N, C-alpha and C. Protein backbone atom coordinates (compact mmCIF):
# COMPACT_ATOMS: atom_id res chain seq x y z
N UNK A 1 -184.13 -51.73 -1.39
CA UNK A 1 -183.93 -53.08 -0.83
C UNK A 1 -185.15 -53.93 -1.29
N UNK A 2 -184.91 -55.17 -1.59
CA UNK A 2 -185.94 -56.09 -1.96
C UNK A 2 -186.12 -57.10 -0.81
N UNK A 3 -187.29 -57.74 -0.76
CA UNK A 3 -187.51 -58.72 0.24
C UNK A 3 -188.24 -59.91 -0.37
N UNK A 4 -187.77 -61.13 -0.08
CA UNK A 4 -188.46 -62.35 -0.42
C UNK A 4 -188.80 -63.05 0.86
N UNK A 5 -189.33 -64.30 0.78
CA UNK A 5 -189.74 -65.02 1.95
C UNK A 5 -188.60 -65.13 2.98
N UNK A 6 -187.41 -65.52 2.52
CA UNK A 6 -186.27 -65.75 3.46
C UNK A 6 -185.10 -64.73 3.33
N UNK A 7 -185.20 -63.83 2.40
CA UNK A 7 -184.05 -62.96 2.07
C UNK A 7 -184.38 -61.48 2.06
N UNK A 8 -183.39 -60.69 2.43
CA UNK A 8 -183.35 -59.27 2.13
C UNK A 8 -182.28 -59.14 1.03
N UNK A 9 -182.57 -58.39 0.02
CA UNK A 9 -181.65 -58.28 -1.14
C UNK A 9 -181.34 -56.75 -1.26
N UNK A 10 -180.09 -56.41 -0.90
CA UNK A 10 -179.71 -54.99 -0.74
C UNK A 10 -178.66 -54.58 -1.81
N UNK A 11 -178.96 -53.59 -2.62
CA UNK A 11 -177.90 -53.05 -3.45
C UNK A 11 -176.85 -52.27 -2.66
N UNK A 12 -175.59 -52.48 -2.90
CA UNK A 12 -174.47 -51.83 -2.13
C UNK A 12 -174.11 -50.54 -2.80
N UNK A 13 -173.91 -49.49 -2.00
CA UNK A 13 -173.42 -48.20 -2.55
C UNK A 13 -171.88 -48.27 -2.62
N UNK A 14 -171.28 -47.22 -3.08
CA UNK A 14 -169.87 -47.16 -3.31
C UNK A 14 -169.06 -47.53 -2.05
N UNK A 15 -169.36 -46.83 -0.95
CA UNK A 15 -168.66 -47.10 0.30
C UNK A 15 -168.83 -48.47 0.82
N UNK A 16 -170.06 -48.99 0.63
CA UNK A 16 -170.27 -50.40 1.02
C UNK A 16 -169.51 -51.38 0.15
N UNK A 17 -169.38 -51.11 -1.11
CA UNK A 17 -168.57 -51.99 -2.01
C UNK A 17 -167.07 -52.02 -1.53
N UNK A 18 -166.57 -50.85 -1.12
CA UNK A 18 -165.19 -50.82 -0.55
C UNK A 18 -165.10 -51.74 0.66
N UNK A 19 -166.07 -51.64 1.57
CA UNK A 19 -166.05 -52.54 2.73
C UNK A 19 -166.29 -54.00 2.32
N UNK A 20 -167.08 -54.24 1.37
CA UNK A 20 -167.30 -55.59 0.84
C UNK A 20 -165.94 -56.16 0.41
N UNK A 21 -165.19 -55.36 -0.38
CA UNK A 21 -163.96 -55.86 -0.98
C UNK A 21 -162.94 -56.08 0.12
N UNK A 22 -162.95 -55.31 1.23
CA UNK A 22 -161.98 -55.51 2.30
C UNK A 22 -162.19 -56.84 3.00
N UNK A 23 -163.40 -57.37 2.95
CA UNK A 23 -163.76 -58.71 3.50
C UNK A 23 -163.24 -58.82 4.95
N UNK A 24 -163.39 -57.78 5.74
CA UNK A 24 -162.97 -57.78 7.12
C UNK A 24 -164.18 -57.61 8.10
N UNK A 25 -165.32 -57.90 7.58
CA UNK A 25 -166.57 -57.81 8.35
C UNK A 25 -167.01 -56.36 8.64
N UNK A 26 -166.34 -55.35 8.07
CA UNK A 26 -166.77 -53.92 8.31
C UNK A 26 -168.11 -53.72 7.67
N UNK A 27 -168.37 -54.37 6.51
CA UNK A 27 -169.66 -54.18 5.84
C UNK A 27 -170.77 -54.85 6.69
N UNK A 28 -170.50 -56.03 7.19
CA UNK A 28 -171.47 -56.74 8.09
C UNK A 28 -171.74 -55.86 9.28
N UNK A 29 -170.75 -55.23 9.85
CA UNK A 29 -170.95 -54.37 11.02
C UNK A 29 -171.85 -53.20 10.68
N UNK A 30 -171.56 -52.55 9.54
CA UNK A 30 -172.39 -51.39 9.11
C UNK A 30 -173.87 -51.82 8.90
N UNK A 31 -174.08 -52.99 8.34
CA UNK A 31 -175.43 -53.41 7.99
C UNK A 31 -176.08 -54.12 9.18
N UNK A 32 -175.37 -54.26 10.29
CA UNK A 32 -175.96 -54.89 11.51
C UNK A 32 -176.15 -56.42 11.34
N UNK A 33 -175.19 -57.02 10.56
CA UNK A 33 -175.32 -58.46 10.31
C UNK A 33 -174.28 -59.29 11.14
N UNK A 34 -174.49 -60.53 11.19
CA UNK A 34 -173.51 -61.44 11.80
C UNK A 34 -172.29 -61.48 10.88
N UNK A 35 -171.14 -61.60 11.51
CA UNK A 35 -169.90 -61.76 10.76
C UNK A 35 -169.95 -62.92 9.85
N UNK A 36 -169.33 -62.82 8.71
CA UNK A 36 -169.28 -63.99 7.77
C UNK A 36 -167.83 -64.35 7.48
N UNK A 37 -167.65 -65.49 6.92
CA UNK A 37 -166.36 -65.95 6.51
C UNK A 37 -166.13 -65.90 5.02
N UNK A 38 -166.85 -64.98 4.40
CA UNK A 38 -166.70 -64.86 2.91
C UNK A 38 -165.32 -64.40 2.53
N UNK A 39 -164.91 -64.86 1.36
CA UNK A 39 -163.60 -64.43 0.83
C UNK A 39 -163.81 -63.83 -0.53
N UNK A 40 -162.90 -63.04 -0.98
CA UNK A 40 -162.96 -62.38 -2.27
C UNK A 40 -161.91 -63.03 -3.20
N UNK A 41 -162.40 -63.66 -4.28
CA UNK A 41 -161.51 -64.33 -5.24
C UNK A 41 -160.72 -63.20 -5.96
N UNK A 42 -159.58 -63.54 -6.52
CA UNK A 42 -158.82 -62.58 -7.31
C UNK A 42 -159.66 -61.98 -8.45
N UNK A 43 -160.48 -62.87 -9.08
CA UNK A 43 -161.30 -62.43 -10.20
C UNK A 43 -162.36 -61.42 -9.74
N UNK A 44 -162.97 -61.67 -8.60
CA UNK A 44 -163.98 -60.74 -8.13
C UNK A 44 -163.35 -59.44 -7.68
N UNK A 45 -162.18 -59.50 -7.02
CA UNK A 45 -161.44 -58.27 -6.62
C UNK A 45 -161.14 -57.41 -7.81
N UNK A 46 -160.71 -58.09 -8.93
CA UNK A 46 -160.40 -57.34 -10.10
C UNK A 46 -161.65 -56.68 -10.72
N UNK A 47 -162.74 -57.47 -10.74
CA UNK A 47 -164.02 -56.93 -11.18
C UNK A 47 -164.49 -55.78 -10.41
N UNK A 48 -164.35 -55.84 -9.07
CA UNK A 48 -164.72 -54.78 -8.21
C UNK A 48 -163.93 -53.50 -8.47
N UNK A 49 -162.61 -53.64 -8.63
CA UNK A 49 -161.70 -52.51 -8.82
C UNK A 49 -161.88 -51.92 -10.21
N UNK A 50 -162.06 -52.77 -11.19
CA UNK A 50 -161.97 -52.29 -12.57
C UNK A 50 -163.34 -51.95 -13.20
N UNK A 51 -164.40 -52.59 -12.64
CA UNK A 51 -165.77 -52.45 -13.23
C UNK A 51 -166.76 -51.81 -12.21
N UNK A 52 -166.98 -52.57 -11.20
CA UNK A 52 -168.04 -52.21 -10.25
C UNK A 52 -167.83 -50.82 -9.64
N UNK A 53 -166.69 -50.60 -9.04
CA UNK A 53 -166.44 -49.31 -8.39
C UNK A 53 -166.45 -48.11 -9.36
N UNK A 54 -165.80 -48.17 -10.50
CA UNK A 54 -165.85 -47.05 -11.42
C UNK A 54 -167.32 -46.78 -11.92
N UNK A 55 -168.05 -47.87 -12.18
CA UNK A 55 -169.40 -47.67 -12.67
C UNK A 55 -170.34 -47.12 -11.63
N UNK A 56 -170.21 -47.60 -10.37
CA UNK A 56 -171.05 -47.06 -9.33
C UNK A 56 -170.67 -45.58 -9.02
N UNK A 57 -169.46 -45.22 -9.18
CA UNK A 57 -169.02 -43.85 -8.97
C UNK A 57 -169.46 -42.95 -10.06
N UNK A 58 -169.77 -43.48 -11.25
CA UNK A 58 -170.20 -42.69 -12.40
C UNK A 58 -171.65 -42.26 -12.21
N UNK A 59 -171.82 -40.92 -11.92
CA UNK A 59 -173.12 -40.39 -11.64
C UNK A 59 -174.05 -40.40 -12.86
N UNK A 60 -173.56 -40.63 -14.11
CA UNK A 60 -174.38 -40.70 -15.26
C UNK A 60 -175.02 -42.08 -15.42
N UNK A 61 -174.68 -43.06 -14.55
CA UNK A 61 -175.17 -44.41 -14.64
C UNK A 61 -176.08 -44.70 -13.44
N UNK A 62 -177.06 -45.54 -13.67
CA UNK A 62 -177.92 -45.99 -12.57
C UNK A 62 -177.14 -47.04 -11.86
N UNK A 63 -176.73 -46.74 -10.60
CA UNK A 63 -175.84 -47.67 -9.87
C UNK A 63 -176.48 -49.03 -9.59
N UNK A 64 -177.83 -49.11 -9.65
CA UNK A 64 -178.41 -50.37 -9.39
C UNK A 64 -178.08 -51.43 -10.47
N UNK A 65 -177.65 -50.96 -11.64
CA UNK A 65 -177.25 -51.89 -12.67
C UNK A 65 -175.77 -52.15 -12.65
N UNK A 66 -175.06 -51.53 -11.76
CA UNK A 66 -173.55 -51.58 -11.68
C UNK A 66 -173.02 -52.14 -10.43
N UNK A 67 -173.84 -52.44 -9.47
CA UNK A 67 -173.37 -52.82 -8.11
C UNK A 67 -173.65 -54.27 -7.82
N UNK A 68 -173.11 -54.72 -6.71
CA UNK A 68 -173.53 -56.00 -6.16
C UNK A 68 -174.74 -55.84 -5.31
N UNK A 69 -175.65 -56.75 -5.41
CA UNK A 69 -176.78 -56.78 -4.52
C UNK A 69 -176.52 -57.96 -3.58
N UNK A 70 -176.39 -57.73 -2.29
CA UNK A 70 -176.10 -58.79 -1.35
C UNK A 70 -177.38 -59.48 -0.86
N UNK A 71 -177.31 -60.77 -0.72
CA UNK A 71 -178.43 -61.57 -0.25
C UNK A 71 -178.23 -61.84 1.24
N UNK A 72 -179.18 -61.45 2.07
CA UNK A 72 -179.07 -61.65 3.54
C UNK A 72 -180.16 -62.56 4.01
N UNK A 73 -179.77 -63.68 4.68
CA UNK A 73 -180.77 -64.59 5.26
C UNK A 73 -181.43 -63.78 6.44
N UNK A 74 -182.78 -63.64 6.37
CA UNK A 74 -183.48 -62.95 7.44
C UNK A 74 -183.45 -63.77 8.72
N UNK A 75 -183.49 -65.05 8.62
CA UNK A 75 -183.50 -65.91 9.82
C UNK A 75 -182.15 -65.91 10.60
N UNK A 76 -181.07 -65.96 9.77
CA UNK A 76 -179.72 -66.06 10.37
C UNK A 76 -179.01 -64.69 10.40
N UNK A 77 -179.55 -63.68 9.75
CA UNK A 77 -178.96 -62.33 9.75
C UNK A 77 -177.49 -62.37 9.27
N UNK A 78 -177.31 -63.04 8.11
CA UNK A 78 -175.92 -63.19 7.65
C UNK A 78 -176.03 -63.14 6.05
N UNK A 79 -174.95 -62.61 5.44
CA UNK A 79 -174.88 -62.56 4.02
C UNK A 79 -174.66 -64.01 3.47
N UNK A 80 -175.48 -64.39 2.45
CA UNK A 80 -175.34 -65.75 1.91
C UNK A 80 -174.91 -65.79 0.46
N UNK A 81 -174.95 -64.66 -0.23
CA UNK A 81 -174.55 -64.60 -1.62
C UNK A 81 -174.75 -63.23 -2.23
N UNK A 82 -174.48 -63.13 -3.52
CA UNK A 82 -174.60 -61.87 -4.25
C UNK A 82 -175.17 -62.08 -5.60
N UNK A 83 -175.85 -61.00 -6.09
CA UNK A 83 -176.35 -60.98 -7.48
C UNK A 83 -175.86 -59.64 -8.06
N UNK A 84 -175.60 -59.60 -9.33
CA UNK A 84 -175.33 -58.30 -10.00
C UNK A 84 -175.94 -58.35 -11.42
N UNK A 85 -176.12 -57.13 -11.91
CA UNK A 85 -176.44 -56.92 -13.29
C UNK A 85 -175.06 -56.56 -13.94
N UNK A 86 -174.88 -56.96 -15.16
CA UNK A 86 -173.66 -56.71 -15.90
C UNK A 86 -173.86 -55.41 -16.78
N UNK A 87 -174.12 -54.31 -16.11
CA UNK A 87 -174.41 -53.04 -16.82
C UNK A 87 -175.84 -52.78 -17.06
N UNK A 88 -176.08 -51.59 -17.62
CA UNK A 88 -177.46 -51.20 -17.86
C UNK A 88 -178.08 -51.97 -19.10
N UNK A 89 -179.39 -51.96 -19.14
CA UNK A 89 -180.05 -52.61 -20.31
C UNK A 89 -179.55 -52.10 -21.64
N UNK A 90 -179.41 -52.94 -22.68
CA UNK A 90 -179.01 -52.45 -23.94
C UNK A 90 -180.25 -51.87 -24.69
N UNK A 91 -180.04 -51.44 -25.93
CA UNK A 91 -181.17 -50.86 -26.71
C UNK A 91 -182.33 -51.75 -26.83
N UNK A 92 -182.10 -53.07 -26.88
CA UNK A 92 -183.18 -54.08 -27.00
C UNK A 92 -183.84 -54.42 -25.71
N UNK A 93 -183.42 -53.84 -24.60
CA UNK A 93 -183.98 -54.07 -23.35
C UNK A 93 -183.46 -55.36 -22.66
N UNK A 94 -182.27 -55.83 -23.15
CA UNK A 94 -181.64 -57.01 -22.58
C UNK A 94 -180.65 -56.60 -21.44
N UNK A 95 -180.69 -57.31 -20.37
CA UNK A 95 -179.78 -57.14 -19.27
C UNK A 95 -179.28 -58.46 -18.80
N UNK A 96 -178.02 -58.51 -18.46
CA UNK A 96 -177.38 -59.75 -18.03
C UNK A 96 -177.20 -59.78 -16.53
N UNK A 97 -177.43 -60.97 -15.90
CA UNK A 97 -177.16 -61.09 -14.48
C UNK A 97 -176.07 -62.09 -14.25
N UNK A 98 -175.45 -61.92 -13.08
CA UNK A 98 -174.48 -62.90 -12.59
C UNK A 98 -174.81 -63.11 -11.09
N UNK A 99 -174.33 -64.19 -10.57
CA UNK A 99 -174.70 -64.49 -9.13
C UNK A 99 -173.74 -65.52 -8.53
N UNK A 100 -173.70 -65.52 -7.25
CA UNK A 100 -172.87 -66.54 -6.55
C UNK A 100 -173.36 -66.70 -5.13
N UNK A 101 -173.41 -67.93 -4.70
CA UNK A 101 -173.75 -68.28 -3.31
C UNK A 101 -172.47 -68.61 -2.59
N UNK A 102 -172.28 -68.07 -1.33
CA UNK A 102 -171.12 -68.37 -0.55
C UNK A 102 -171.18 -69.88 -0.27
N UNK A 103 -170.02 -70.52 -0.27
CA UNK A 103 -169.89 -71.95 -0.25
C UNK A 103 -170.74 -72.63 0.89
N UNK A 104 -170.65 -72.07 2.12
CA UNK A 104 -171.36 -72.71 3.20
C UNK A 104 -172.86 -72.61 3.10
N UNK A 105 -173.39 -71.83 2.18
CA UNK A 105 -174.88 -71.69 2.02
C UNK A 105 -175.40 -72.32 0.76
N UNK A 106 -174.57 -73.00 0.01
CA UNK A 106 -174.98 -73.65 -1.25
C UNK A 106 -175.94 -74.80 -0.97
N UNK A 107 -176.81 -75.04 -1.87
CA UNK A 107 -177.73 -76.17 -1.77
C UNK A 107 -178.96 -75.91 -0.90
N UNK A 108 -179.13 -74.74 -0.48
CA UNK A 108 -180.24 -74.37 0.44
C UNK A 108 -181.39 -73.56 -0.27
N UNK A 109 -181.23 -73.35 -1.56
CA UNK A 109 -182.30 -72.63 -2.35
C UNK A 109 -182.16 -71.14 -2.18
N UNK A 110 -181.14 -70.56 -1.63
CA UNK A 110 -181.12 -69.17 -1.44
C UNK A 110 -180.97 -68.43 -2.80
N UNK A 111 -180.19 -68.98 -3.73
CA UNK A 111 -180.00 -68.28 -4.99
C UNK A 111 -181.21 -68.40 -5.89
N UNK A 112 -181.91 -69.53 -5.83
CA UNK A 112 -183.17 -69.66 -6.58
C UNK A 112 -184.08 -68.53 -6.15
N UNK A 113 -184.20 -68.36 -4.84
CA UNK A 113 -185.06 -67.29 -4.27
C UNK A 113 -184.54 -65.87 -4.65
N UNK A 114 -183.28 -65.71 -4.51
CA UNK A 114 -182.63 -64.43 -4.83
C UNK A 114 -182.79 -63.98 -6.29
N UNK A 115 -182.57 -64.92 -7.20
CA UNK A 115 -182.77 -64.58 -8.61
C UNK A 115 -184.23 -64.35 -8.83
N UNK A 116 -185.13 -65.06 -8.19
CA UNK A 116 -186.56 -64.77 -8.33
C UNK A 116 -186.91 -63.32 -7.90
N UNK A 117 -186.26 -62.89 -6.77
CA UNK A 117 -186.49 -61.57 -6.24
C UNK A 117 -185.99 -60.47 -7.25
N UNK A 118 -184.81 -60.75 -7.81
CA UNK A 118 -184.26 -59.78 -8.78
C UNK A 118 -185.11 -59.72 -10.07
N UNK A 119 -185.66 -60.88 -10.48
CA UNK A 119 -186.58 -60.95 -11.63
C UNK A 119 -187.81 -60.13 -11.33
N UNK A 120 -188.36 -60.26 -10.17
CA UNK A 120 -189.60 -59.46 -9.82
C UNK A 120 -189.30 -57.95 -9.90
N UNK A 121 -188.14 -57.57 -9.38
CA UNK A 121 -187.74 -56.19 -9.46
C UNK A 121 -187.57 -55.78 -10.93
N UNK A 122 -186.88 -56.56 -11.72
CA UNK A 122 -186.59 -56.19 -13.10
C UNK A 122 -187.87 -56.05 -13.89
N UNK A 123 -188.88 -56.90 -13.61
CA UNK A 123 -190.16 -56.80 -14.37
C UNK A 123 -190.83 -55.46 -14.18
N UNK A 124 -190.53 -54.78 -13.07
CA UNK A 124 -191.05 -53.42 -12.83
C UNK A 124 -190.30 -52.34 -13.47
N UNK A 125 -189.18 -52.61 -14.15
CA UNK A 125 -188.38 -51.62 -14.80
C UNK A 125 -188.76 -51.60 -16.27
N UNK A 126 -189.31 -50.49 -16.76
CA UNK A 126 -189.85 -50.39 -18.13
C UNK A 126 -188.76 -50.76 -19.21
N UNK A 127 -187.48 -50.35 -18.87
CA UNK A 127 -186.47 -50.49 -19.87
C UNK A 127 -185.97 -51.96 -20.02
N UNK A 128 -186.37 -52.79 -19.11
CA UNK A 128 -185.90 -54.25 -19.17
C UNK A 128 -186.96 -55.08 -19.83
N UNK A 129 -186.55 -55.78 -20.95
CA UNK A 129 -187.50 -56.67 -21.65
C UNK A 129 -187.09 -58.16 -21.47
N UNK A 130 -185.78 -58.40 -21.32
CA UNK A 130 -185.23 -59.73 -21.22
C UNK A 130 -184.10 -59.74 -20.22
N UNK A 131 -183.98 -60.86 -19.54
CA UNK A 131 -182.76 -61.07 -18.67
C UNK A 131 -182.01 -62.23 -19.33
N UNK A 132 -180.72 -62.06 -19.51
CA UNK A 132 -179.86 -63.10 -20.03
C UNK A 132 -178.80 -63.51 -19.00
N UNK A 133 -178.33 -64.67 -19.10
CA UNK A 133 -177.31 -65.23 -18.17
C UNK A 133 -176.49 -66.28 -18.90
N UNK A 134 -175.28 -66.51 -18.41
CA UNK A 134 -174.46 -67.61 -18.92
C UNK A 134 -173.95 -68.47 -17.75
N UNK A 135 -173.88 -69.75 -18.03
CA UNK A 135 -173.32 -70.65 -16.99
C UNK A 135 -172.28 -71.56 -17.66
N UNK A 136 -171.34 -72.01 -16.86
CA UNK A 136 -170.39 -73.02 -17.37
C UNK A 136 -171.24 -74.26 -17.70
N UNK A 137 -170.92 -74.96 -18.77
CA UNK A 137 -171.65 -76.19 -19.18
C UNK A 137 -171.64 -77.17 -18.03
N UNK A 138 -170.63 -77.21 -17.23
CA UNK A 138 -170.53 -78.20 -16.14
C UNK A 138 -171.13 -77.77 -14.82
N UNK A 139 -171.61 -76.51 -14.77
CA UNK A 139 -172.17 -76.01 -13.51
C UNK A 139 -173.71 -76.31 -13.50
N UNK A 140 -174.05 -77.57 -13.11
CA UNK A 140 -175.41 -78.00 -13.12
C UNK A 140 -176.23 -77.19 -12.11
N UNK A 141 -175.68 -76.91 -10.93
CA UNK A 141 -176.41 -76.14 -9.90
C UNK A 141 -176.83 -74.76 -10.43
N UNK A 142 -175.92 -74.09 -11.12
CA UNK A 142 -176.26 -72.77 -11.66
C UNK A 142 -177.32 -72.86 -12.72
N UNK A 143 -177.25 -73.84 -13.56
CA UNK A 143 -178.24 -74.06 -14.58
C UNK A 143 -179.59 -74.27 -13.96
N UNK A 144 -179.66 -75.10 -12.91
CA UNK A 144 -180.92 -75.37 -12.23
C UNK A 144 -181.52 -74.13 -11.63
N UNK A 145 -180.67 -73.21 -11.06
CA UNK A 145 -181.17 -71.93 -10.53
C UNK A 145 -181.98 -71.22 -11.63
N UNK A 146 -181.40 -71.14 -12.81
CA UNK A 146 -182.00 -70.47 -13.93
C UNK A 146 -183.30 -71.19 -14.40
N UNK A 147 -183.18 -72.50 -14.53
CA UNK A 147 -184.37 -73.30 -14.94
C UNK A 147 -185.50 -73.12 -13.92
N UNK A 148 -185.26 -73.12 -12.67
CA UNK A 148 -186.29 -72.98 -11.62
C UNK A 148 -186.93 -71.62 -11.71
N UNK A 149 -186.19 -70.62 -12.31
CA UNK A 149 -186.74 -69.25 -12.49
C UNK A 149 -187.28 -69.04 -13.88
N UNK A 150 -187.56 -70.12 -14.61
CA UNK A 150 -188.15 -70.07 -15.94
C UNK A 150 -187.29 -69.51 -17.05
N UNK A 151 -185.99 -69.47 -16.90
CA UNK A 151 -185.07 -69.20 -18.00
C UNK A 151 -185.07 -70.33 -18.92
N UNK A 152 -184.89 -70.03 -20.23
CA UNK A 152 -184.78 -71.12 -21.28
C UNK A 152 -183.42 -71.04 -21.82
N UNK A 153 -182.86 -72.27 -22.09
CA UNK A 153 -181.52 -72.31 -22.70
C UNK A 153 -181.64 -71.70 -24.10
N UNK A 154 -180.62 -70.89 -24.46
CA UNK A 154 -180.66 -70.06 -25.62
C UNK A 154 -179.33 -70.15 -26.42
N UNK A 155 -178.80 -71.35 -26.48
CA UNK A 155 -177.54 -71.51 -27.21
C UNK A 155 -176.37 -71.85 -26.27
N UNK A 156 -175.23 -72.10 -26.92
CA UNK A 156 -174.03 -72.44 -26.18
C UNK A 156 -172.84 -72.08 -27.02
N UNK A 157 -171.68 -72.04 -26.35
CA UNK A 157 -170.42 -71.76 -27.03
C UNK A 157 -169.33 -71.47 -25.96
N UNK A 158 -168.14 -71.72 -26.29
CA UNK A 158 -167.00 -71.47 -25.35
C UNK A 158 -167.22 -72.09 -24.02
N UNK A 159 -167.78 -73.35 -24.02
CA UNK A 159 -168.02 -74.15 -22.78
C UNK A 159 -169.03 -73.47 -21.88
N UNK A 160 -169.89 -72.63 -22.50
CA UNK A 160 -170.94 -71.92 -21.73
C UNK A 160 -172.28 -72.24 -22.30
N UNK A 161 -173.27 -72.23 -21.41
CA UNK A 161 -174.71 -72.34 -21.83
C UNK A 161 -175.24 -70.93 -21.67
N UNK A 162 -176.02 -70.47 -22.65
CA UNK A 162 -176.66 -69.18 -22.60
C UNK A 162 -178.15 -69.31 -22.33
N UNK A 163 -178.61 -68.42 -21.48
CA UNK A 163 -180.01 -68.51 -21.01
C UNK A 163 -180.78 -67.20 -21.25
N UNK A 164 -182.13 -67.30 -21.35
CA UNK A 164 -182.95 -66.12 -21.66
C UNK A 164 -184.25 -66.25 -20.88
N UNK A 165 -184.57 -65.17 -20.23
CA UNK A 165 -185.95 -65.04 -19.66
C UNK A 165 -186.54 -63.73 -20.26
N UNK A 166 -187.60 -63.95 -21.00
CA UNK A 166 -188.26 -62.83 -21.72
C UNK A 166 -189.57 -62.45 -20.97
N UNK A 167 -189.74 -61.16 -20.82
CA UNK A 167 -190.98 -60.65 -20.26
C UNK A 167 -192.11 -60.44 -21.22
N UNK A 168 -191.81 -60.66 -22.47
CA UNK A 168 -192.81 -60.33 -23.55
C UNK A 168 -193.76 -61.40 -23.80
């Protein structure tokens, strides 16, 4: 688990991912958190079933690169968003992140802080040299999260902006 000024950032194990996907507050109960009103989009449910769960179950993989890391507000004791890595680092030391803030907590700086926490952790992993991310061209808030964490725009295509943070 990671800790920032306002957040606890916890990687979820297989059983916790199942509870996360159920979205019935069983995960919050297990973690001793306040109930949340989070919902699981069809796209996230598909990603959980087809990618996250099989990869976390695969004992040959480091589950920290395959799971959701939930962001918990320390003050309010509630989940406010999630961050994930999109698989293990490649041969060049590149790893991709994705993230999302639950709607009721947007605009409060939680994801700027959460991404900063994940960056601090990643800098301590010898195999990671760069973090990459993509945002929709129209998602100004997501772009600002990356900019505030020192990512640099690194191209575009398919209505996406591509971002890079290099540790070198």
